[in-house]
């Protein structure tokens, strides 16, 4: 997001993150 790597790892964990979902 905005040129920064916010998270990297398990897809199930990242897709369930409410903050990342709000950004996406």
PDBML (XML) file of the C-alpha atoms, coordinates in Angstrom:
<?xml version="1.0" encoding="UTF-8" ?>
<PDBx:datablock datablockName="MODEL"
   xmlns:PDBx="http://pdbml.pdb.org/schema/pdbx-v50.xsd"
   xmlns:xsi="http://www.w3.org/2001/XMLSchema-instance"
   xsi:schemaLocation="http://pdbml.pdb.org/schema/pdbx-v50.xsd pdbx-v50.xsd">
   <PDBx:atom_siteCategory>
      <PDBx:atom_site id="1">
         <PDBx:B_iso_or_equiv>0.00</PDBx:B_iso_or_equiv>
         <PDBx:Cartn_x>0.000</PDBx:Cartn_x>
         <PDBx:Cartn_y>0.000</PDBx:Cartn_y>
         <PDBx:Cartn_z>0.000</PDBx:Cartn_z>
         <PDBx:auth_asym_id>A</PDBx:auth_asym_id>
         <PDBx:auth_atom_id>CA</PDBx:auth_atom_id>
         <PDBx:auth_comp_id>UNK</PDBx:auth_comp_id>
         <PDBx:auth_seq_id>1</PDBx:auth_seq_id>
         <PDBx:group_PDB>ATOM</PDBx:group_PDB>
         <PDBx:label_alt_id xsi:nil="true" />
         <PDBx:label_asym_id>A</PDBx:label_asym_id>
         <PDBx:label_atom_id>CA</PDBx:label_atom_id>
         <PDBx:label_comp_id>UNK</PDBx:label_comp_id>
         <PDBx:label_entity_id>1</PDBx:label_entity_id>
         <PDBx:label_seq_id>1</PDBx:label_seq_id>
         <PDBx:occupancy>1.00</PDBx:occupancy>
         <PDBx:pdbx_PDB_model_num>1</PDBx:pdbx_PDB_model_num>
         <PDBx:type_symbol>C</PDBx:type_symbol>
      </PDBx:atom_site>
      <PDBx:atom_site id="2">
         <PDBx:B_iso_or_equiv>0.00</PDBx:B_iso_or_equiv>
         <PDBx:Cartn_x>1.374</PDBx:Cartn_x>
         <PDBx:Cartn_y>3.378</PDBx:Cartn_y>
         <PDBx:Cartn_z>-1.077</PDBx:Cartn_z>
         <PDBx:auth_asym_id>A</PDBx:auth_asym_id>
         <PDBx:auth_atom_id>CA</PDBx:auth_atom_id>
         <PDBx:auth_comp_id>UNK</PDBx:auth_comp_id>
         <PDBx:auth_seq_id>2</PDBx:auth_seq_id>
         <PDBx:group_PDB>ATOM</PDBx:group_PDB>
         <PDBx:label_alt_id xsi:nil="true" />
         <PDBx:label_asym_id>A</PDBx:label_asym_id>
         <PDBx:label_atom_id>CA</PDBx:label_atom_id>
         <PDBx:label_comp_id>UNK</PDBx:label_comp_id>
         <PDBx:label_entity_id>1</PDBx:label_entity_id>
         <PDBx:label_seq_id>2</PDBx:label_seq_id>
         <PDBx:occupancy>1.00</PDBx:occupancy>
         <PDBx:pdbx_PDB_model_num>1</PDBx:pdbx_PDB_model_num>
         <PDBx:type_symbol>C</PDBx:type_symbol>
      </PDBx:atom_site>
      <PDBx:atom_site id="3">
         <PDBx:B_iso_or_equiv>0.00</PDBx:B_iso_or_equiv>
         <PDBx:Cartn_x>4.690</PDBx:Cartn_x>
         <PDBx:Cartn_y>1.779</PDBx:Cartn_y>
         <PDBx:Cartn_z>-1.963</PDBx:Cartn_z>
         <PDBx:auth_asym_id>A</PDBx:auth_asym_id>
         <PDBx:auth_atom_id>CA</PDBx:auth_atom_id>
         <PDBx:auth_comp_id>UNK</PDBx:auth_comp_id>
         <PDBx:auth_seq_id>3</PDBx:auth_seq_id>
         <PDBx:group_PDB>ATOM</PDBx:group_PDB>
         <PDBx:label_alt_id xsi:nil="true" />
         <PDBx:label_asym_id>A</PDBx:label_asym_id>
         <PDBx:label_atom_id>CA</PDBx:label_atom_id>
         <PDBx:label_comp_id>UNK</PDBx:label_comp_id>
         <PDBx:label_entity_id>1</PDBx:label_entity_id>
         <PDBx:label_seq_id>3</PDBx:label_seq_id>
         <PDBx:occupancy>1.00</PDBx:occupancy>
         <PDBx:pdbx_PDB_model_num>1</PDBx:pdbx_PDB_model_num>
         <PDBx:type_symbol>C</PDBx:type_symbol>
      </PDBx:atom_site>
      <PDBx:atom_site id="4">
         <PDBx:B_iso_or_equiv>0.00</PDBx:B_iso_or_equiv>
         <PDBx:Cartn_x>5.175</PDBx:Cartn_x>
         <PDBx:Cartn_y>0.055</PDBx:Cartn_y>
         <PDBx:Cartn_z>1.388</PDBx:Cartn_z>
         <PDBx:auth_asym_id>A</PDBx:auth_asym_id>
         <PDBx:auth_atom_id>CA</PDBx:auth_atom_id>
         <PDBx:auth_comp_id>UNK</PDBx:auth_comp_id>
         <PDBx:auth_seq_id>4</PDBx:auth_seq_id>
         <PDBx:group_PDB>ATOM</PDBx:group_PDB>
         <PDBx:label_alt_id xsi:nil="true" />
         <PDBx:label_asym_id>A</PDBx:label_asym_id>
         <PDBx:label_atom_id>CA</PDBx:label_atom_id>
         <PDBx:label_comp_id>UNK</PDBx:label_comp_id>
         <PDBx:label_entity_id>1</PDBx:label_entity_id>
         <PDBx:label_seq_id>4</PDBx:label_seq_id>
         <PDBx:occupancy>1.00</PDBx:occupancy>
         <PDBx:pdbx_PDB_model_num>1</PDBx:pdbx_PDB_model_num>
         <PDBx:type_symbol>C</PDBx:type_symbol>
      </PDBx:atom_site>
      <PDBx:atom_site id="5">
         <PDBx:B_iso_or_equiv>0.00</PDBx:B_iso_or_equiv>
         <PDBx:Cartn_x>5.090</PDBx:Cartn_x>
         <PDBx:Cartn_y>-3.659</PDBx:Cartn_y>
         <PDBx:Cartn_z>2.187</PDBx:Cartn_z>
         <PDBx:auth_asym_id>A</PDBx:auth_asym_id>
         <PDBx:auth_atom_id>CA</PDBx:auth_atom_id>
         <PDBx:auth_comp_id>UNK</PDBx:auth_comp_id>
         <PDBx:auth_seq_id>5</PDBx:auth_seq_id>
         <PDBx:group_PDB>ATOM</PDBx:group_PDB>
         <PDBx:label_alt_id xsi:nil="true" />
         <PDBx:label_asym_id>A</PDBx:label_asym_id>
         <PDBx:label_atom_id>CA</PDBx:label_atom_id>
         <PDBx:label_comp_id>UNK</PDBx:label_comp_id>
         <PDBx:label_entity_id>1</PDBx:label_entity_id>
         <PDBx:label_seq_id>5</PDBx:label_seq_id>
         <PDBx:occupancy>1.00</PDBx:occupancy>
         <PDBx:pdbx_PDB_model_num>1</PDBx:pdbx_PDB_model_num>
         <PDBx:type_symbol>C</PDBx:type_symbol>
      </PDBx:atom_site>
      <PDBx:atom_site id="6">
         <PDBx:B_iso_or_equiv>0.00</PDBx:B_iso_or_equiv>
         <PDBx:Cartn_x>2.582</PDBx:Cartn_x>
         <PDBx:Cartn_y>-3.935</PDBx:Cartn_y>
         <PDBx:Cartn_z>5.043</PDBx:Cartn_z>
         <PDBx:auth_asym_id>A</PDBx:auth_asym_id>
         <PDBx:auth_atom_id>CA</PDBx:auth_atom_id>
         <PDBx:auth_comp_id>UNK</PDBx:auth_comp_id>
         <PDBx:auth_seq_id>6</PDBx:auth_seq_id>
         <PDBx:group_PDB>ATOM</PDBx:group_PDB>
         <PDBx:label_alt_id xsi:nil="true" />
         <PDBx:label_asym_id>A</PDBx:label_asym_id>
         <PDBx:label_atom_id>CA</PDBx:label_atom_id>
         <PDBx:label_comp_id>UNK</PDBx:label_comp_id>
         <PDBx:label_entity_id>1</PDBx:label_entity_id>
         <PDBx:label_seq_id>6</PDBx:label_seq_id>
         <PDBx:occupancy>1.00</PDBx:occupancy>
         <PDBx:pdbx_PDB_model_num>1</PDBx:pdbx_PDB_model_num>
         <PDBx:type_symbol>C</PDBx:type_symbol>
      </PDBx:atom_site>
      <PDBx:atom_site id="7">
         <PDBx:B_iso_or_equiv>0.00</PDBx:B_iso_or_equiv>
         <PDBx:Cartn_x>2.454</PDBx:Cartn_x>
         <PDBx:Cartn_y>-7.711</PDBx:Cartn_y>
         <PDBx:Cartn_z>5.422</PDBx:Cartn_z>
         <PDBx:auth_asym_id>A</PDBx:auth_asym_id>
         <PDBx:auth_atom_id>CA</PDBx:auth_atom_id>
         <PDBx:auth_comp_id>UNK</PDBx:auth_comp_id>
         <PDBx:auth_seq_id>7</PDBx:auth_seq_id>
         <PDBx:group_PDB>ATOM</PDBx:group_PDB>
         <PDBx:label_alt_id xsi:nil="true" />
         <PDBx:label_asym_id>A</PDBx:label_asym_id>
         <PDBx:label_atom_id>CA</PDBx:label_atom_id>
         <PDBx:label_comp_id>UNK</PDBx:label_comp_id>
         <PDBx:label_entity_id>1</PDBx:label_entity_id>
         <PDBx:label_seq_id>7</PDBx:label_seq_id>
         <PDBx:occupancy>1.00</PDBx:occupancy>
         <PDBx:pdbx_PDB_model_num>1</PDBx:pdbx_PDB_model_num>
         <PDBx:type_symbol>C</PDBx:type_symbol>
      </PDBx:atom_site>
      <PDBx:atom_site id="8">
         <PDBx:B_iso_or_equiv>0.00</PDBx:B_iso_or_equiv>
         <PDBx:Cartn_x>3.820</PDBx:Cartn_x>
         <PDBx:Cartn_y>-10.907</PDBx:Cartn_y>
         <PDBx:Cartn_z>3.895</PDBx:Cartn_z>
         <PDBx:auth_asym_id>A</PDBx:auth_asym_id>
         <PDBx:auth_atom_id>CA</PDBx:auth_atom_id>
         <PDBx:auth_comp_id>UNK</PDBx:auth_comp_id>
         <PDBx:auth_seq_id>8</PDBx:auth_seq_id>
         <PDBx:group_PDB>ATOM</PDBx:group_PDB>
         <PDBx:label_alt_id xsi:nil="true" />
         <PDBx:label_asym_id>A</PDBx:label_asym_id>
         <PDBx:label_atom_id>CA</PDBx:label_atom_id>
         <PDBx:label_comp_id>UNK</PDBx:label_comp_id>
         <PDBx:label_entity_id>1</PDBx:label_entity_id>
         <PDBx:label_seq_id>8</PDBx:label_seq_id>
         <PDBx:occupancy>1.00</PDBx:occupancy>
         <PDBx:pdbx_PDB_model_num>1</PDBx:pdbx_PDB_model_num>
         <PDBx:type_symbol>C</PDBx:type_symbol>
      </PDBx:atom_site>
      <PDBx:atom_site id="9">
         <PDBx:B_iso_or_equiv>0.00</PDBx:B_iso_or_equiv>
         <PDBx:Cartn_x>2.932</PDBx:Cartn_x>
         <PDBx:Cartn_y>-14.458</PDBx:Cartn_y>
         <PDBx:Cartn_z>4.795</PDBx:Cartn_z>
         <PDBx:auth_asym_id>A</PDBx:auth_asym_id>
         <PDBx:auth_atom_id>CA</PDBx:auth_atom_id>
         <PDBx:auth_comp_id>UNK</PDBx:auth_comp_id>
         <PDBx:auth_seq_id>9</PDBx:auth_seq_id>
         <PDBx:group_PDB>ATOM</PDBx:group_PDB>
         <PDBx:label_alt_id xsi:nil="true" />
         <PDBx:label_asym_id>A</PDBx:label_asym_id>
         <PDBx:label_atom_id>CA</PDBx:label_atom_id>
         <PDBx:label_comp_id>UNK</PDBx:label_comp_id>
         <PDBx:label_entity_id>1</PDBx:label_entity_id>
         <PDBx:label_seq_id>9</PDBx:label_seq_id>
         <PDBx:occupancy>1.00</PDBx:occupancy>
         <PDBx:pdbx_PDB_model_num>1</PDBx:pdbx_PDB_model_num>
         <PDBx:type_symbol>C</PDBx:type_symbol>
      </PDBx:atom_site>
      <PDBx:atom_site id="10">
         <PDBx:B_iso_or_equiv>0.00</PDBx:B_iso_or_equiv>
         <PDBx:Cartn_x>0.010</PDBx:Cartn_x>
         <PDBx:Cartn_y>-16.861</PDBx:Cartn_y>
         <PDBx:Cartn_z>5.116</PDBx:Cartn_z>
         <PDBx:auth_asym_id>A</PDBx:auth_asym_id>
         <PDBx:auth_atom_id>CA</PDBx:auth_atom_id>
         <PDBx:auth_comp_id>UNK</PDBx:auth_comp_id>
         <PDBx:auth_seq_id>10</PDBx:auth_seq_id>
         <PDBx:group_PDB>ATOM</PDBx:group_PDB>
         <PDBx:label_alt_id xsi:nil="true" />
         <PDBx:label_asym_id>A</PDBx:label_asym_id>
         <PDBx:label_atom_id>CA</PDBx:label_atom_id>
         <PDBx:label_comp_id>UNK</PDBx:label_comp_id>
         <PDBx:label_entity_id>1</PDBx:label_entity_id>
         <PDBx:label_seq_id>10</PDBx:label_seq_id>
         <PDBx:occupancy>1.00</PDBx:occupancy>
         <PDBx:pdbx_PDB_model_num>1</PDBx:pdbx_PDB_model_num>
         <PDBx:type_symbol>C</PDBx:type_symbol>
      </PDBx:atom_site>
      <PDBx:atom_site id="11">
         <PDBx:B_iso_or_equiv>0.00</PDBx:B_iso_or_equiv>
         <PDBx:Cartn_x>-2.810</PDBx:Cartn_x>
         <PDBx:Cartn_y>-15.813</PDBx:Cartn_y>
         <PDBx:Cartn_z>2.722</PDBx:Cartn_z>
         <PDBx:auth_asym_id>A</PDBx:auth_asym_id>
         <PDBx:auth_atom_id>CA</PDBx:auth_atom_id>
         <PDBx:auth_comp_id>UNK</PDBx:auth_comp_id>
         <PDBx:auth_seq_id>11</PDBx:auth_seq_id>
         <PDBx:group_PDB>ATOM</PDBx:group_PDB>
         <PDBx:label_alt_id xsi:nil="true" />
         <PDBx:label_asym_id>A</PDBx:label_asym_id>
         <PDBx:label_atom_id>CA</PDBx:label_atom_id>
         <PDBx:label_comp_id>UNK</PDBx:label_comp_id>
         <PDBx:label_entity_id>1</PDBx:label_entity_id>
         <PDBx:label_seq_id>11</PDBx:label_seq_id>
         <PDBx:occupancy>1.00</PDBx:occupancy>
         <PDBx:pdbx_PDB_model_num>1</PDBx:pdbx_PDB_model_num>
         <PDBx:type_symbol>C</PDBx:type_symbol>
      </PDBx:atom_site>
      <PDBx:atom_site id="12">
         <PDBx:B_iso_or_equiv>0.00</PDBx:B_iso_or_equiv>
         <PDBx:Cartn_x>-5.540</PDBx:Cartn_x>
         <PDBx:Cartn_y>-16.914</PDBx:Cartn_y>
         <PDBx:Cartn_z>5.140</PDBx:Cartn_z>
         <PDBx:auth_asym_id>A</PDBx:auth_asym_id>
         <PDBx:auth_atom_id>CA</PDBx:auth_atom_id>
         <PDBx:auth_comp_id>UNK</PDBx:auth_comp_id>
         <PDBx:auth_seq_id>12</PDBx:auth_seq_id>
         <PDBx:group_PDB>ATOM</PDBx:group_PDB>
         <PDBx:label_alt_id xsi:nil="true" />
         <PDBx:label_asym_id>A</PDBx:label_asym_id>
         <PDBx:label_atom_id>CA</PDBx:label_atom_id>
         <PDBx:label_comp_id>UNK</PDBx:label_comp_id>
         <PDBx:label_entity_id>1</PDBx:label_entity_id>
         <PDBx:label_seq_id>12</PDBx:label_seq_id>
         <PDBx:occupancy>1.00</PDBx:occupancy>
         <PDBx:pdbx_PDB_model_num>1</PDBx:pdbx_PDB_model_num>
         <PDBx:type_symbol>C</PDBx:type_symbol>
      </PDBx:atom_site>
      <PDBx:atom_site id="13">
         <PDBx:B_iso_or_equiv>0.00</PDBx:B_iso_or_equiv>
         <PDBx:Cartn_x>-4.151</PDBx:Cartn_x>
         <PDBx:Cartn_y>-14.717</PDBx:Cartn_y>
         <PDBx:Cartn_z>7.907</PDBx:Cartn_z>
         <PDBx:auth_asym_id>A</PDBx:auth_asym_id>
         <PDBx:auth_atom_id>CA</PDBx:auth_atom_id>
         <PDBx:auth_comp_id>UNK</PDBx:auth_comp_id>
         <PDBx:auth_seq_id>13</PDBx:auth_seq_id>
         <PDBx:group_PDB>ATOM</PDBx:group_PDB>
         <PDBx:label_alt_id xsi:nil="true" />
         <PDBx:label_asym_id>A</PDBx:label_asym_id>
         <PDBx:label_atom_id>CA</PDBx:label_atom_id>
         <PDBx:label_comp_id>UNK</PDBx:label_comp_id>
         <PDBx:label_entity_id>1</PDBx:label_entity_id>
         <PDBx:label_seq_id>13</PDBx:label_seq_id>
         <PDBx:occupancy>1.00</PDBx:occupancy>
         <PDBx:pdbx_PDB_model_num>1</PDBx:pdbx_PDB_model_num>
         <PDBx:type_symbol>C</PDBx:type_symbol>
      </PDBx:atom_site>
      <PDBx:atom_site id="14">
         <PDBx:B_iso_or_equiv>0.00</PDBx:B_iso_or_equiv>
         <PDBx:Cartn_x>-3.575</PDBx:Cartn_x>
         <PDBx:Cartn_y>-11.653</PDBx:Cartn_y>
         <PDBx:Cartn_z>5.724</PDBx:Cartn_z>
         <PDBx:auth_asym_id>A</PDBx:auth_asym_id>
         <PDBx:auth_atom_id>CA</PDBx:auth_atom_id>
         <PDBx:auth_comp_id>UNK</PDBx:auth_comp_id>
         <PDBx:auth_seq_id>14</PDBx:auth_seq_id>
         <PDBx:group_PDB>ATOM</PDBx:group_PDB>
         <PDBx:label_alt_id xsi:nil="true" />
         <PDBx:label_asym_id>A</PDBx:label_asym_id>
         <PDBx:label_atom_id>CA</PDBx:label_atom_id>
         <PDBx:label_comp_id>UNK</PDBx:label_comp_id>
         <PDBx:label_entity_id>1</PDBx:label_entity_id>
         <PDBx:label_seq_id>14</PDBx:label_seq_id>
         <PDBx:occupancy>1.00</PDBx:occupancy>
         <PDBx:pdbx_PDB_model_num>1</PDBx:pdbx_PDB_model_num>
         <PDBx:type_symbol>C</PDBx:type_symbol>
      </PDBx:atom_site>
      <PDBx:atom_site id="15">
         <PDBx:B_iso_or_equiv>0.00</PDBx:B_iso_or_equiv>
         <PDBx:Cartn_x>-6.982</PDBx:Cartn_x>
         <PDBx:Cartn_y>-11.812</PDBx:Cartn_y>
         <PDBx:Cartn_z>4.010</PDBx:Cartn_z>
         <PDBx:auth_asym_id>A</PDBx:auth_asym_id>
         <PDBx:auth_atom_id>CA</PDBx:auth_atom_id>
         <PDBx:auth_comp_id>UNK</PDBx:auth_comp_id>
         <PDBx:auth_seq_id>15</PDBx:auth_seq_id>
         <PDBx:group_PDB>ATOM</PDBx:group_PDB>
         <PDBx:label_alt_id xsi:nil="true" />
         <PDBx:label_asym_id>A</PDBx:label_asym_id>
         <PDBx:label_atom_id>CA</PDBx:label_atom_id>
         <PDBx:label_comp_id>UNK</PDBx:label_comp_id>
         <PDBx:label_entity_id>1</PDBx:label_entity_id>
         <PDBx:label_seq_id>15</PDBx:label_seq_id>
         <PDBx:occupancy>1.00</PDBx:occupancy>
         <PDBx:pdbx_PDB_model_num>1</PDBx:pdbx_PDB_model_num>
         <PDBx:type_symbol>C</PDBx:type_symbol>
      </PDBx:atom_site>
      <PDBx:atom_site id="16">
         <PDBx:B_iso_or_equiv>0.00</PDBx:B_iso_or_equiv>
         <PDBx:Cartn_x>-8.721</PDBx:Cartn_x>
         <PDBx:Cartn_y>-11.923</PDBx:Cartn_y>
         <PDBx:Cartn_z>7.383</PDBx:Cartn_z>
         <PDBx:auth_asym_id>A</PDBx:auth_asym_id>
         <PDBx:auth_atom_id>CA</PDBx:auth_atom_id>
         <PDBx:auth_comp_id>UNK</PDBx:auth_comp_id>
         <PDBx:auth_seq_id>16</PDBx:auth_seq_id>
         <PDBx:group_PDB>ATOM</PDBx:group_PDB>
         <PDBx:label_alt_id xsi:nil="true" />
         <PDBx:label_asym_id>A</PDBx:label_asym_id>
         <PDBx:label_atom_id>CA</PDBx:label_atom_id>
         <PDBx:label_comp_id>UNK</PDBx:label_comp_id>
         <PDBx:label_entity_id>1</PDBx:label_entity_id>
         <PDBx:label_seq_id>16</PDBx:label_seq_id>
         <PDBx:occupancy>1.00</PDBx:occupancy>
         <PDBx:pdbx_PDB_model_num>1</PDBx:pdbx_PDB_model_num>
         <PDBx:type_symbol>C</PDBx:type_symbol>
      </PDBx:atom_site>
      <PDBx:atom_site id="17">
         <PDBx:B_iso_or_equiv>0.00</PDBx:B_iso_or_equiv>
         <PDBx:Cartn_x>-6.928</PDBx:Cartn_x>
         <PDBx:Cartn_y>-8.843</PDBx:Cartn_y>
         <PDBx:Cartn_z>8.729</PDBx:Cartn_z>
         <PDBx:auth_asym_id>A</PDBx:auth_asym_id>
         <PDBx:auth_atom_id>CA</PDBx:auth_atom_id>
         <PDBx:auth_comp_id>UNK</PDBx:auth_comp_id>
         <PDBx:auth_seq_id>17</PDBx:auth_seq_id>
         <PDBx:group_PDB>ATOM</PDBx:group_PDB>
         <PDBx:label_alt_id xsi:nil="true" />
         <PDBx:label_asym_id>A</PDBx:label_asym_id>
         <PDBx:label_atom_id>CA</PDBx:label_atom_id>
         <PDBx:label_comp_id>UNK</PDBx:label_comp_id>
         <PDBx:label_entity_id>1</PDBx:label_entity_id>
         <PDBx:label_seq_id>17</PDBx:label_seq_id>
         <PDBx:occupancy>1.00</PDBx:occupancy>
         <PDBx:pdbx_PDB_model_num>1</PDBx:pdbx_PDB_model_num>
         <PDBx:type_symbol>C</PDBx:type_symbol>
      </PDBx:atom_site>
      <PDBx:atom_site id="18">
         <PDBx:B_iso_or_equiv>0.00</PDBx:B_iso_or_equiv>
         <PDBx:Cartn_x>-9.643</PDBx:Cartn_x>
         <PDBx:Cartn_y>-6.157</PDBx:Cartn_y>
         <PDBx:Cartn_z>9.034</PDBx:Cartn_z>
         <PDBx:auth_asym_id>A</PDBx:auth_asym_id>
         <PDBx:auth_atom_id>CA</PDBx:auth_atom_id>
         <PDBx:auth_comp_id>UNK</PDBx:auth_comp_id>
         <PDBx:auth_seq_id>18</PDBx:auth_seq_id>
         <PDBx:group_PDB>ATOM</PDBx:group_PDB>
         <PDBx:label_alt_id xsi:nil="true" />
         <PDBx:label_asym_id>A</PDBx:label_asym_id>
         <PDBx:label_atom_id>CA</PDBx:label_atom_id>
         <PDBx:label_comp_id>UNK</PDBx:label_comp_id>
         <PDBx:label_entity_id>1</PDBx:label_entity_id>
         <PDBx:label_seq_id>18</PDBx:label_seq_id>
         <PDBx:occupancy>1.00</PDBx:occupancy>
         <PDBx:pdbx_PDB_model_num>1</PDBx:pdbx_PDB_model_num>
         <PDBx:type_symbol>C</PDBx:type_symbol>
      </PDBx:atom_site>
      <PDBx:atom_site id="19">
         <PDBx:B_iso_or_equiv>0.00</PDBx:B_iso_or_equiv>
         <PDBx:Cartn_x>-7.214</PDBx:Cartn_x>
         <PDBx:Cartn_y>-3.244</PDBx:Cartn_y>
         <PDBx:Cartn_z>8.660</PDBx:Cartn_z>
         <PDBx:auth_asym_id>A</PDBx:auth_asym_id>
         <PDBx:auth_atom_id>CA</PDBx:auth_atom_id>
         <PDBx:auth_comp_id>UNK</PDBx:auth_comp_id>
         <PDBx:auth_seq_id>19</PDBx:auth_seq_id>
         <PDBx:group_PDB>ATOM</PDBx:group_PDB>
         <PDBx:label_alt_id xsi:nil="true" />
         <PDBx:label_asym_id>A</PDBx:label_asym_id>
         <PDBx:label_atom_id>CA</PDBx:label_atom_id>
         <PDBx:label_comp_id>UNK</PDBx:label_comp_id>
         <PDBx:label_entity_id>1</PDBx:label_entity_id>
         <PDBx:label_seq_id>19</PDBx:label_seq_id>
         <PDBx:occupancy>1.00</PDBx:occupancy>
         <PDBx:pdbx_PDB_model_num>1</PDBx:pdbx_PDB_model_num>
         <PDBx:type_symbol>C</PDBx:type_symbol>
      </PDBx:atom_site>
      <PDBx:atom_site id="20">
         <PDBx:B_iso_or_equiv>0.00</PDBx:B_iso_or_equiv>
         <PDBx:Cartn_x>-5.723</PDBx:Cartn_x>
         <PDBx:Cartn_y>-4.639</PDBx:Cartn_y>
         <PDBx:Cartn_z>5.449</PDBx:Cartn_z>
         <PDBx:auth_asym_id>A</PDBx:auth_asym_id>
         <PDBx:auth_atom_id>CA</PDBx:auth_atom_id>
         <PDBx:auth_comp_id>UNK</PDBx:auth_comp_id>
         <PDBx:auth_seq_id>20</PDBx:auth_seq_id>
         <PDBx:group_PDB>ATOM</PDBx:group_PDB>
         <PDBx:label_alt_id xsi:nil="true" />
         <PDBx:label_asym_id>A</PDBx:label_asym_id>
         <PDBx:label_atom_id>CA</PDBx:label_atom_id>
         <PDBx:label_comp_id>UNK</PDBx:label_comp_id>
         <PDBx:label_entity_id>1</PDBx:label_entity_id>
         <PDBx:label_seq_id>20</PDBx:label_seq_id>
         <PDBx:occupancy>1.00</PDBx:occupancy>
         <PDBx:pdbx_PDB_model_num>1</PDBx:pdbx_PDB_model_num>
         <PDBx:type_symbol>C</PDBx:type_symbol>
      </PDBx:atom_site>
      <PDBx:atom_site id="21">
         <PDBx:B_iso_or_equiv>0.00</PDBx:B_iso_or_equiv>
         <PDBx:Cartn_x>-9.189</PDBx:Cartn_x>
         <PDBx:Cartn_y>-5.458</PDBx:Cartn_y>
         <PDBx:Cartn_z>4.110</PDBx:Cartn_z>
         <PDBx:auth_asym_id>A</PDBx:auth_asym_id>
         <PDBx:auth_atom_id>CA</PDBx:auth_atom_id>
         <PDBx:auth_comp_id>UNK</PDBx:auth_comp_id>
         <PDBx:auth_seq_id>21</PDBx:auth_seq_id>
         <PDBx:group_PDB>ATOM</PDBx:group_PDB>
         <PDBx:label_alt_id xsi:nil="true" />
         <PDBx:label_asym_id>A</PDBx:label_asym_id>
         <PDBx:label_atom_id>CA</PDBx:label_atom_id>
         <PDBx:label_comp_id>UNK</PDBx:label_comp_id>
         <PDBx:label_entity_id>1</PDBx:label_entity_id>
         <PDBx:label_seq_id>21</PDBx:label_seq_id>
         <PDBx:occupancy>1.00</PDBx:occupancy>
         <PDBx:pdbx_PDB_model_num>1</PDBx:pdbx_PDB_model_num>
         <PDBx:type_symbol>C</PDBx:type_symbol>
      </PDBx:atom_site>
      <PDBx:atom_site id="22">
         <PDBx:B_iso_or_equiv>0.00</PDBx:B_iso_or_equiv>
         <PDBx:Cartn_x>-10.274</PDBx:Cartn_x>
         <PDBx:Cartn_y>-1.862</PDBx:Cartn_y>
         <PDBx:Cartn_z>4.738</PDBx:Cartn_z>
         <PDBx:auth_asym_id>A</PDBx:auth_asym_id>
         <PDBx:auth_atom_id>CA</PDBx:auth_atom_id>
         <PDBx:auth_comp_id>UNK</PDBx:auth_comp_id>
         <PDBx:auth_seq_id>22</PDBx:auth_seq_id>
         <PDBx:group_PDB>ATOM</PDBx:group_PDB>
         <PDBx:label_alt_id xsi:nil="true" />
         <PDBx:label_asym_id>A</PDBx:label_asym_id>
         <PDBx:label_atom_id>CA</PDBx:label_atom_id>
         <PDBx:label_comp_id>UNK</PDBx:label_comp_id>
         <PDBx:label_entity_id>1</PDBx:label_entity_id>
         <PDBx:label_seq_id>22</PDBx:label_seq_id>
         <PDBx:occupancy>1.00</PDBx:occupancy>
         <PDBx:pdbx_PDB_model_num>1</PDBx:pdbx_PDB_model_num>
         <PDBx:type_symbol>C</PDBx:type_symbol>
      </PDBx:atom_site>
      <PDBx:atom_site id="23">
         <PDBx:B_iso_or_equiv>0.00</PDBx:B_iso_or_equiv>
         <PDBx:Cartn_x>-7.268</PDBx:Cartn_x>
         <PDBx:Cartn_y>-0.585</PDBx:Cartn_y>
         <PDBx:Cartn_z>2.771</PDBx:Cartn_z>
         <PDBx:auth_asym_id>A</PDBx:auth_asym_id>
         <PDBx:auth_atom_id>CA</PDBx:auth_atom_id>
         <PDBx:auth_comp_id>UNK</PDBx:auth_comp_id>
         <PDBx:auth_seq_id>23</PDBx:auth_seq_id>
         <PDBx:group_PDB>ATOM</PDBx:group_PDB>
         <PDBx:label_alt_id xsi:nil="true" />
         <PDBx:label_asym_id>A</PDBx:label_asym_id>
         <PDBx:label_atom_id>CA</PDBx:label_atom_id>
         <PDBx:label_comp_id>UNK</PDBx:label_comp_id>
         <PDBx:label_entity_id>1</PDBx:label_entity_id>
         <PDBx:label_seq_id>23</PDBx:label_seq_id>
         <PDBx:occupancy>1.00</PDBx:occupancy>
         <PDBx:pdbx_PDB_model_num>1</PDBx:pdbx_PDB_model_num>
         <PDBx:type_symbol>C</PDBx:type_symbol>
      </PDBx:atom_site>
      <PDBx:atom_site id="24">
         <PDBx:B_iso_or_equiv>0.00</PDBx:B_iso_or_equiv>
         <PDBx:Cartn_x>-7.824</PDBx:Cartn_x>
         <PDBx:Cartn_y>-3.049</PDBx:Cartn_y>
         <PDBx:Cartn_z>-0.057</PDBx:Cartn_z>
         <PDBx:auth_asym_id>A</PDBx:auth_asym_id>
         <PDBx:auth_atom_id>CA</PDBx:auth_atom_id>
         <PDBx:auth_comp_id>UNK</PDBx:auth_comp_id>
         <PDBx:auth_seq_id>24</PDBx:auth_seq_id>
         <PDBx:group_PDB>ATOM</PDBx:group_PDB>
         <PDBx:label_alt_id xsi:nil="true" />
         <PDBx:label_asym_id>A</PDBx:label_asym_id>
         <PDBx:label_atom_id>CA</PDBx:label_atom_id>
         <PDBx:label_comp_id>UNK</PDBx:label_comp_id>
         <PDBx:label_entity_id>1</PDBx:label_entity_id>
         <PDBx:label_seq_id>24</PDBx:label_seq_id>
         <PDBx:occupancy>1.00</PDBx:occupancy>
         <PDBx:pdbx_PDB_model_num>1</PDBx:pdbx_PDB_model_num>
         <PDBx:type_symbol>C</PDBx:type_symbol>
      </PDBx:atom_site>
   </PDBx:atom_siteCategory>
</PDBx:datablock>
